[in-house]
Amino acid sequence: MGLLRLAAIGGIGYAVWKAISGSGGKLQHAGFAPGESDGANFAKVRTAGPEGMRSNPPEWDKTDQAMDESFPASDPPATY
């Protein structure tokens, strides 16, 4: 009986946590900006540039932008 009570309390706690966490049950990928992976993003590739990132980089120049736009391609950008 104690095991059933523990399982019930655990289930209620999980339901309450999901209700107040605000995620709505959707997974948010670590590299995406909030709301970036929603919609018809089949390949799960984020938008290039710092606006598509979850955290803001301290510095961002043209080389960083070119490298970010070329990923995941195997060829490097032509700006080198």
PDB file of N, CA and C in Angstrom:
ATOM      1  N   MET A   1       0.817  -1.188   0.000  1.00  0.00           N
ATOM      2  CA  MET A   1       0.000   0.000   0.000  1.00  0.00           C
ATOM      3  C   MET A   1       0.868   1.262   0.000  1.00  0.00           C
ATOM      4  N   GLY A   2       1.990   1.203   0.665  1.00  0.00           N
ATOM      5  CA  GLY A   2       2.883   2.344   0.725  1.00  0.00           C
ATOM      6  C   GLY A   2       3.478   2.672  -0.639  1.00  0.00           C
ATOM      7  N   LEU A   3       3.731   1.632  -1.447  1.00  0.00           N
ATOM      8  CA  LEU A   3       4.290   1.846  -2.781  1.00  0.00           C
ATOM      9  C   LEU A   3       3.281   2.544  -3.691  1.00  0.00           C
ATOM     10  N   LEU A   4       2.009   2.170  -3.604  1.00  0.00           N
ATOM     11  CA  LEU A   4       0.970   2.830  -4.392  1.00  0.00           C
ATOM     12  C   LEU A   4       0.796   4.292  -3.980  1.00  0.00           C
ATOM     13  N   ARG A   5       0.874   4.547  -2.698  1.00  0.00           N
ATOM     14  CA  ARG A   5       0.751   5.921  -2.199  1.00  0.00           C
ATOM     15  C   ARG A   5       1.936   6.761  -2.694  1.00  0.00           C
ATOM     16  N   LEU A   6       3.123   6.184  -2.665  1.00  0.00           N
ATOM     17  CA  LEU A   6       4.311   6.888  -3.138  1.00  0.00           C
ATOM     18  C   LEU A   6       4.213   7.170  -4.640  1.00  0.00           C
ATOM     19  N   ALA A   7       3.721   6.207  -5.414  1.00  0.00           N
ATOM     20  CA  ALA A   7       3.557   6.409  -6.856  1.00  0.00           C
ATOM     21  C   ALA A   7       2.520   7.491  -7.138  1.00  0.00           C
ATOM     22  N   ALA A   8       1.429   7.512  -6.380  1.00  0.00           N
ATOM     23  CA  ALA A   8       0.397   8.528  -6.566  1.00  0.00           C
ATOM     24  C   ALA A   8       0.932   9.916  -6.236  1.00  0.00           C
ATOM     25  N   ILE A   9       1.671  10.041  -5.160  1.00  0.00           N
ATOM     26  CA  ILE A   9       2.253  11.334  -4.782  1.00  0.00           C
ATOM     27  C   ILE A   9       3.259  11.787  -5.836  1.00  0.00           C
ATOM     28  N   GLY A  10       4.045  10.848  -6.342  1.00  0.00           N
ATOM     29  CA  GLY A  10       5.000  11.183  -7.402  1.00  0.00           C
ATOM     30  C   GLY A  10       4.306  11.642  -8.670  1.00  0.00           C
ATOM     31  N   GLY A  11       3.218  10.984  -9.050  1.00  0.00           N
ATOM     32  CA  GLY A  11       2.466  11.382 -10.239  1.00  0.00           C
ATOM     33  C   GLY A  11       1.837  12.745 -10.089  1.00  0.00           C
ATOM     34  N   ILE A  12       1.287  13.025  -8.922  1.00  0.00           N
ATOM     35  CA  ILE A  12       0.696  14.338  -8.666  1.00  0.00           C
ATOM     36  C   ILE A  12       1.775  15.419  -8.692  1.00  0.00           C
ATOM     37  N   GLY A  13       2.911  15.128  -8.095  1.00  0.00           N
ATOM     38  CA  GLY A  13       4.012  16.095  -8.105  1.00  0.00           C
ATOM     39  C   GLY A  13       4.508  16.381  -9.514  1.00  0.00           C
ATOM     40  N   TYR A  14       4.591  15.339 -10.327  1.00  0.00           N
ATOM     41  CA  TYR A  14       5.022  15.524 -11.717  1.00  0.00           C
ATOM     42  C   TYR A  14       4.014  16.371 -12.486  1.00  0.00           C
ATOM     43  N   ALA A  15       2.726  16.102 -12.302  1.00  0.00           N
ATOM     44  CA  ALA A  15       1.685  16.867 -12.993  1.00  0.00           C
ATOM     45  C   ALA A  15       1.718  18.339 -12.580  1.00  0.00           C
ATOM     46  N   VAL A  16       1.920  18.596 -11.306  1.00  0.00           N
ATOM     47  CA  VAL A  16       1.999  19.979 -10.831  1.00  0.00           C
ATOM     48  C   VAL A  16       3.232  20.663 -11.397  1.00  0.00           C
ATOM     49  N   TRP A  17       4.354  19.963 -11.426  1.00  0.00           N
ATOM     50  CA  TRP A  17       5.589  20.543 -11.967  1.00  0.00           C
ATOM     51  C   TRP A  17       5.430  20.878 -13.449  1.00  0.00           C
ATOM     52  N   LYS A  18       4.812  19.992 -14.229  1.00  0.00           N
ATOM     53  CA  LYS A  18       4.609  20.252 -15.653  1.00  0.00           C
ATOM     54  C   LYS A  18       3.657  21.438 -15.855  1.00  0.00           C
ATOM     55  N   ALA A  19       2.666  21.569 -14.966  1.00  0.00           N
ATOM     56  CA  ALA A  19       1.700  22.656 -15.102  1.00  0.00           C
ATOM     57  C   ALA A  19       2.338  24.017 -14.816  1.00  0.00           C
ATOM     58  N   ILE A  20       3.245  24.088 -13.850  1.00  0.00           N
ATOM     59  CA  ILE A  20       3.829  25.385 -13.494  1.00  0.00           C
ATOM     60  C   ILE A  20       5.141  25.677 -14.207  1.00  0.00           C
ATOM     61  N   SER A  21       5.713  24.686 -14.908  1.00  0.00           N
ATOM     62  CA  SER A  21       6.996  24.919 -15.567  1.00  0.00           C
ATOM     63  C   SER A  21       6.865  25.831 -16.775  1.00  0.00           C
ATOM     64  N   GLY A  22       5.683  25.897 -17.377  1.00  0.00           N
ATOM     65  CA  GLY A  22       5.460  26.821 -18.467  1.00  0.00           C
ATOM     66  C   GLY A  22       5.957  26.345 -19.814  1.00  0.00           C
ATOM     67  N   SER A  23       6.505  25.140 -19.914  1.00  0.00           N
ATOM     68  CA  SER A  23       7.007  24.677 -21.195  1.00  0.00           C
ATOM     69  C   SER A  23       5.907  24.122 -22.074  1.00  0.00           C
ATOM     70  N   GLY A  24       4.765  23.810 -21.519  1.00  0.00           N
ATOM     71  CA  GLY A  24       3.665  23.285 -22.303  1.00  0.00           C
ATOM     72  C   GLY A  24       3.924  21.891 -22.835  1.00  0.00           C
ATOM     73  N   GLY A  25       4.912  21.209 -22.300  1.00  0.00           N
ATOM     74  CA  GLY A  25       5.223  19.861 -22.728  1.00  0.00           C
ATOM     75  C   GLY A  25       6.137  19.782 -23.938  1.00  0.00           C
ATOM     76  N   LYS A  26       6.545  20.929 -24.504  1.00  0.00           N
ATOM     77  CA  LYS A  26       7.417  20.921 -25.671  1.00  0.00           C
ATOM     78  C   LYS A  26       8.872  20.953 -25.235  1.00  0.00           C
ATOM     79  N   LEU A  27       9.692  20.195 -25.938  1.00  0.00           N
ATOM     80  CA  LEU A  27      11.125  20.220 -25.683  1.00  0.00           C
ATOM     81  C   LEU A  27      11.730  21.459 -26.314  1.00  0.00           C
ATOM     82  N   GLN A  28      12.626  22.095 -25.632  1.00  0.00           N
ATOM     83  CA  GLN A  28      13.352  23.237 -26.172  1.00  0.00           C
ATOM     84  C   GLN A  28      14.800  22.820 -26.321  1.00  0.00           C
ATOM     85  N   HIS A  29      15.296  22.812 -27.542  1.00  0.00           N
ATOM     86  CA  HIS A  29      16.672  22.409 -27.784  1.00  0.00           C
ATOM     87  C   HIS A  29      17.627  23.461 -27.237  1.00  0.00           C
ATOM     88  N   ALA A  30      18.780  23.010 -26.790  1.00  0.00           N
ATOM     89  CA  ALA A  30      19.710  23.883 -26.081  1.00  0.00           C
ATOM     90  C   ALA A  30      20.277  25.006 -26.945  1.00  0.00           C
ATOM     91  N   GLY A  31      20.486  24.771 -28.228  1.00  0.00           N
ATOM     92  CA  GLY A  31      21.116  25.773 -29.074  1.00  0.00           C
ATOM     93  C   GLY A  31      20.161  26.773 -29.689  1.00  0.00           C
ATOM     94  N   PHE A  32      18.865  26.578 -29.541  1.00  0.00           N
ATOM     95  CA  PHE A  32      17.879  27.425 -30.190  1.00  0.00           C
ATOM     96  C   PHE A  32      17.433  28.574 -29.292  1.00  0.00           C
ATOM     97  N   ALA A  33      17.094  29.680 -29.918  1.00  0.00           N
ATOM     98  CA  ALA A  33      16.476  30.783 -29.194  1.00  0.00           C
ATOM     99  C   ALA A  33      15.066  30.356 -28.792  1.00  0.00           C
ATOM    100  N   PRO A  34      14.485  30.964 -27.779  1.00  0.00           N
ATOM    101  CA  PRO A  34      13.120  30.588 -27.387  1.00  0.00           C
ATOM    102  C   PRO A  34      12.144  30.721 -28.563  1.00  0.00           C
ATOM    103  N   GLY A  35      11.416  29.649 -28.839  1.00  0.00           N
ATOM    104  CA  GLY A  35      10.470  29.618 -29.938  1.00  0.00           C
ATOM    105  C   GLY A  35      11.073  29.309 -31.287  1.00  0.00           C
ATOM    106  N   GLU A  36      12.362  29.131 -31.373  1.00  0.00           N
ATOM    107  CA  GLU A  36      13.049  28.913 -32.646  1.00  0.00           C
ATOM    108  C   GLU A  36      12.758  27.535 -33.243  1.00  0.00           C
ATOM    109  N   SER A  37      12.616  26.514 -32.412  1.00  0.00           N
ATOM    110  CA  SER A  37      12.435  25.161 -32.947  1.00  0.00           C
ATOM    111  C   SER A  37      10.976  24.807 -33.172  1.00  0.00           C
ATOM    112  N   ASP A  38      10.051  25.709 -32.924  1.00  0.00           N
ATOM    113  CA  ASP A  38       8.644  25.428 -33.135  1.00  0.00           C
ATOM    114  C   ASP A  38       8.299  25.540 -34.617  1.00  0.00           C
ATOM    115  N   GLY A  39       7.187  24.968 -34.999  1.00  0.00           N
ATOM    116  CA  GLY A  39       6.713  25.092 -36.366  1.00  0.00           C
ATOM    117  C   GLY A  39       7.205  23.973 -37.255  1.00  0.00           C
ATOM    118  N   ALA A  40       7.389  24.284 -38.518  1.00  0.00           N
ATOM    119  CA  ALA A  40       7.744  23.275 -39.518  1.00  0.00           C
ATOM    120  C   ALA A  40       9.248  23.122 -39.681  1.00  0.00           C
ATOM    121  N   ASN A  41       9.995  23.263 -38.634  1.00  0.00           N
ATOM    122  CA  ASN A  41      11.445  23.133 -38.676  1.00  0.00           C
ATOM    123  C   ASN A  41      11.800  21.652 -38.629  1.00  0.00           C
ATOM    124  N   PHE A  42      11.696  20.961 -39.766  1.00  0.00           N
ATOM    125  CA  PHE A  42      11.887  19.521 -39.828  1.00  0.00           C
ATOM    126  C   PHE A  42      13.319  19.112 -39.484  1.00  0.00           C
ATOM    127  N   ALA A  43      14.297  19.818 -40.026  1.00  0.00           N
ATOM    128  CA  ALA A  43      15.697  19.431 -39.855  1.00  0.00           C
ATOM    129  C   ALA A  43      16.288  19.888 -38.531  1.00  0.00           C
ATOM    130  N   LYS A  44      15.573  20.692 -37.762  1.00  0.00           N
ATOM    131  CA  LYS A  44      16.047  21.221 -36.488  1.00  0.00           C
ATOM    132  C   LYS A  44      17.353  21.991 -36.661  1.00  0.00           C
ATOM    133  N   VAL A  45      17.386  22.855 -37.657  1.00  0.00           N
ATOM    134  CA  VAL A  45      18.532  23.729 -37.901  1.00  0.00           C
ATOM    135  C   VAL A  45      18.102  25.127 -37.507  1.00  0.00           C
ATOM    136  N   ARG A  46      18.888  25.761 -36.656  1.00  0.00           N
ATOM    137  CA  ARG A  46      18.500  27.085 -36.182  1.00  0.00           C
ATOM    138  C   ARG A  46      18.871  28.151 -37.207  1.00  0.00           C
ATOM    139  N   THR A  47      18.293  29.310 -37.063  1.00  0.00           N
ATOM    140  CA  THR A  47      18.582  30.447 -37.909  1.00  0.00           C
ATOM    141  C   THR A  47      20.009  30.913 -37.635  1.00  0.00           C
ATOM    142  N   ALA A  48      20.732  31.264 -38.693  1.00  0.00           N
ATOM    143  CA  ALA A  48      22.110  31.719 -38.524  1.00  0.00           C
ATOM    144  C   ALA A  48      22.135  33.093 -37.874  1.00  0.00           C
ATOM    145  N   GLY A  49      23.162  33.317 -37.103  1.00  0.00           N
ATOM    146  CA  GLY A  49      23.349  34.618 -36.468  1.00  0.00           C
ATOM    147  C   GLY A  49      23.051  34.579 -34.986  1.00  0.00           C
ATOM    148  N   PRO A  50      23.454  35.617 -34.281  1.00  0.00           N
ATOM    149  CA  PRO A  50      23.267  35.632 -32.832  1.00  0.00           C
ATOM    150  C   PRO A  50      21.804  35.708 -32.412  1.00  0.00           C
ATOM    151  N   GLU A  51      20.897  36.178 -33.297  1.00  0.00           N
ATOM    152  CA  GLU A  51      19.488  36.239 -32.917  1.00  0.00           C
ATOM    153  C   GLU A  51      18.851  34.854 -32.857  1.00  0.00           C
ATOM    154  N   GLY A  52      19.479  33.849 -33.452  1.00  0.00           N
ATOM    155  CA  GLY A  52      18.968  32.487 -33.399  1.00  0.00           C
ATOM    156  C   GLY A  52      19.534  31.678 -32.250  1.00  0.00           C
ATOM    157  N   MET A  53      20.397  32.278 -31.445  1.00  0.00           N
ATOM    158  CA  MET A  53      21.037  31.571 -30.329  1.00  0.00           C
ATOM    159  C   MET A  53      20.314  31.847 -29.027  1.00  0.00           C
ATOM    160  N   ARG A  54      20.422  30.897 -28.123  1.00  0.00           N
ATOM    161  CA  ARG A  54      19.813  31.076 -26.805  1.00  0.00           C
ATOM    162  C   ARG A  54      20.575  32.121 -25.992  1.00  0.00           C
ATOM    163  N   SER A  55      21.903  32.090 -26.061  1.00  0.00           N
ATOM    164  CA  SER A  55      22.710  33.071 -25.322  1.00  0.00           C
ATOM    165  C   SER A  55      23.368  34.018 -26.319  1.00  0.00           C
ATOM    166  N   ASN A  56      23.587  35.227 -25.905  1.00  0.00           N
ATOM    167  CA  ASN A  56      24.221  36.218 -26.770  1.00  0.00           C
ATOM    168  C   ASN A  56      25.728  36.109 -26.661  1.00  0.00           C
ATOM    169  N   PRO A  57      26.433  35.968 -27.800  1.00  0.00           N
ATOM    170  CA  PRO A  57      27.897  35.923 -27.741  1.00  0.00           C
ATOM    171  C   PRO A  57      28.447  37.306 -27.393  1.00  0.00           C
ATOM    172  N   PRO A  58      29.591  37.363 -26.704  1.00  0.00           N
ATOM    173  CA  PRO A  58      30.149  38.661 -26.321  1.00  0.00           C
ATOM    174  C   PRO A  58      30.610  39.486 -27.523  1.00  0.00           C
ATOM    175  N   GLU A  59      31.087  38.809 -28.575  1.00  0.00           N
ATOM    176  CA  GLU A  59      31.526  39.503 -29.780  1.00  0.00           C
ATOM    177  C   GLU A  59      31.007  38.728 -30.979  1.00  0.00           C
ATOM    178  N   TRP A  60      30.682  39.425 -32.062  1.00  0.00           N
ATOM    179  CA  TRP A  60      30.180  38.774 -33.264  1.00  0.00           C
ATOM    180  C   TRP A  60      30.606  39.621 -34.449  1.00  0.00           C
ATOM    181  N   ASP A  61      31.457  39.054 -35.333  1.00  0.00           N
ATOM    182  CA  ASP A  61      31.927  39.805 -36.491  1.00  0.00           C
ATOM    183  C   ASP A  61      31.533  39.094 -37.787  1.00  0.00           C
ATOM    184  N   LYS A  62      32.035  39.589 -38.914  1.00  0.00           N
ATOM    185  CA  LYS A  62      31.660  39.037 -40.217  1.00  0.00           C
ATOM    186  C   LYS A  62      32.142  37.598 -40.388  1.00  0.00           C
ATOM    187  N   THR A  63      33.300  37.271 -39.825  1.00  0.00           N
ATOM    188  CA  THR A  63      33.821  35.910 -39.921  1.00  0.00           C
ATOM    189  C   THR A  63      32.937  34.944 -39.139  1.00  0.00           C
ATOM    190  N   ASP A  64      32.519  35.343 -37.946  1.00  0.00           N
ATOM    191  CA  ASP A  64      31.615  34.510 -37.161  1.00  0.00           C
ATOM    192  C   ASP A  64      30.299  34.278 -37.909  1.00  0.00           C
ATOM    193  N   GLN A  65      29.796  35.331 -38.544  1.00  0.00           N
ATOM    194  CA  GLN A  65      28.549  35.217 -39.287  1.00  0.00           C
ATOM    195  C   GLN A  65      28.710  34.265 -40.475  1.00  0.00           C
ATOM    196  N   ALA A  66      29.815  34.368 -41.209  1.00  0.00           N
ATOM    197  CA  ALA A  66      30.042  33.498 -42.365  1.00  0.00           C
ATOM    198  C   ALA A  66      30.183  32.047 -41.931  1.00  0.00           C
ATOM    199  N   MET A  67      30.886  31.805 -40.834  1.00  0.00           N
ATOM    200  CA  MET A  67      31.039  30.432 -40.347  1.00  0.00           C
ATOM    201  C   MET A  67      29.706  29.874 -39.868  1.00  0.00           C
ATOM    202  N   ASP A  68      28.914  30.694 -39.210  1.00  0.00           N
ATOM    203  CA  ASP A  68      27.624  30.238 -38.707  1.00  0.00           C
ATOM    204  C   ASP A  68      26.657  29.946 -39.855  1.00  0.00           C
ATOM    205  N   GLU A  69      26.716  30.730 -40.917  1.00  0.00           N
ATOM    206  CA  GLU A  69      25.843  30.496 -42.058  1.00  0.00           C
ATOM    207  C   GLU A  69      26.236  29.262 -42.843  1.00  0.00           C
ATOM    208  N   SER A  70      27.506  28.859 -42.814  1.00  0.00           N
ATOM    209  CA  SER A  70      27.940  27.691 -43.574  1.00  0.00           C
ATOM    210  C   SER A  70      27.705  26.376 -42.840  1.00  0.00           C
ATOM    211  N   PHE A  71      27.496  26.405 -41.544  1.00  0.00           N
ATOM    212  CA  PHE A  71      27.283  25.176 -40.776  1.00  0.00           C
ATOM    213  C   PHE A  71      25.922  24.609 -41.088  1.00  0.00           C
ATOM    214  N   PRO A  72      25.730  23.348 -41.288  1.00  0.00           N
ATOM    215  CA  PRO A  72      26.575  22.173 -41.131  1.00  0.00           C
ATOM    216  C   PRO A  72      27.226  21.729 -42.431  1.00  0.00           C
ATOM    217  N   ALA A  73      27.379  22.607 -43.402  1.00  0.00           N
ATOM    218  CA  ALA A  73      28.008  22.232 -44.651  1.00  0.00           C
ATOM    219  C   ALA A  73      29.473  21.875 -44.432  1.00  0.00           C
ATOM    220  N   SER A  74      30.011  21.055 -45.309  1.00  0.00           N
ATOM    221  CA  SER A  74      31.395  20.626 -45.142  1.00  0.00           C
ATOM    222  C   SER A  74      32.381  21.634 -45.733  1.00  0.00           C
ATOM    223  N   ASP A  75      31.907  22.535 -46.569  1.00  0.00           N
ATOM    224  CA  ASP A  75      32.792  23.513 -47.183  1.00  0.00           C
ATOM    225  C   ASP A  75      32.889  24.764 -46.312  1.00  0.00           C
ATOM    226  N   PRO A  76      34.088  25.316 -46.162  1.00  0.00           N
ATOM    227  CA  PRO A  76      34.217  26.554 -45.396  1.00  0.00           C
ATOM    228  C   PRO A  76      33.682  27.734 -46.193  1.00  0.00           C
ATOM    229  N   PRO A  77      33.369  28.829 -45.533  1.00  0.00           N
ATOM    230  CA  PRO A  77      32.906  30.010 -46.270  1.00  0.00           C
ATOM    231  C   PRO A  77      33.992  30.557 -47.180  1.00  0.00           C
ATOM    232  N   ALA A  78      33.622  31.260 -48.216  1.00  0.00           N
ATOM    233  CA  ALA A  78      34.573  31.774 -49.209  1.00  0.00           C
ATOM    234  C   ALA A  78      35.218  33.085 -48.801  1.00  0.00           C
ATOM    235  N   THR A  79      35.012  33.513 -47.572  1.00  0.00           N
ATOM    236  CA  THR A  79      35.562  34.803 -47.141  1.00  0.00           C
ATOM    237  C   THR A  79      36.927  34.683 -46.503  1.00  0.00           C
ATOM    238  N   TYR A  80      37.566  33.530 -46.552  1.00  0.00           N
ATOM    239  CA  TYR A  80      38.896  33.364 -45.956  1.00  0.00           C
ATOM    240  C   TYR A  80      39.973  33.709 -46.903  1.00  0.00           C
TER     241      TYR A  80
END
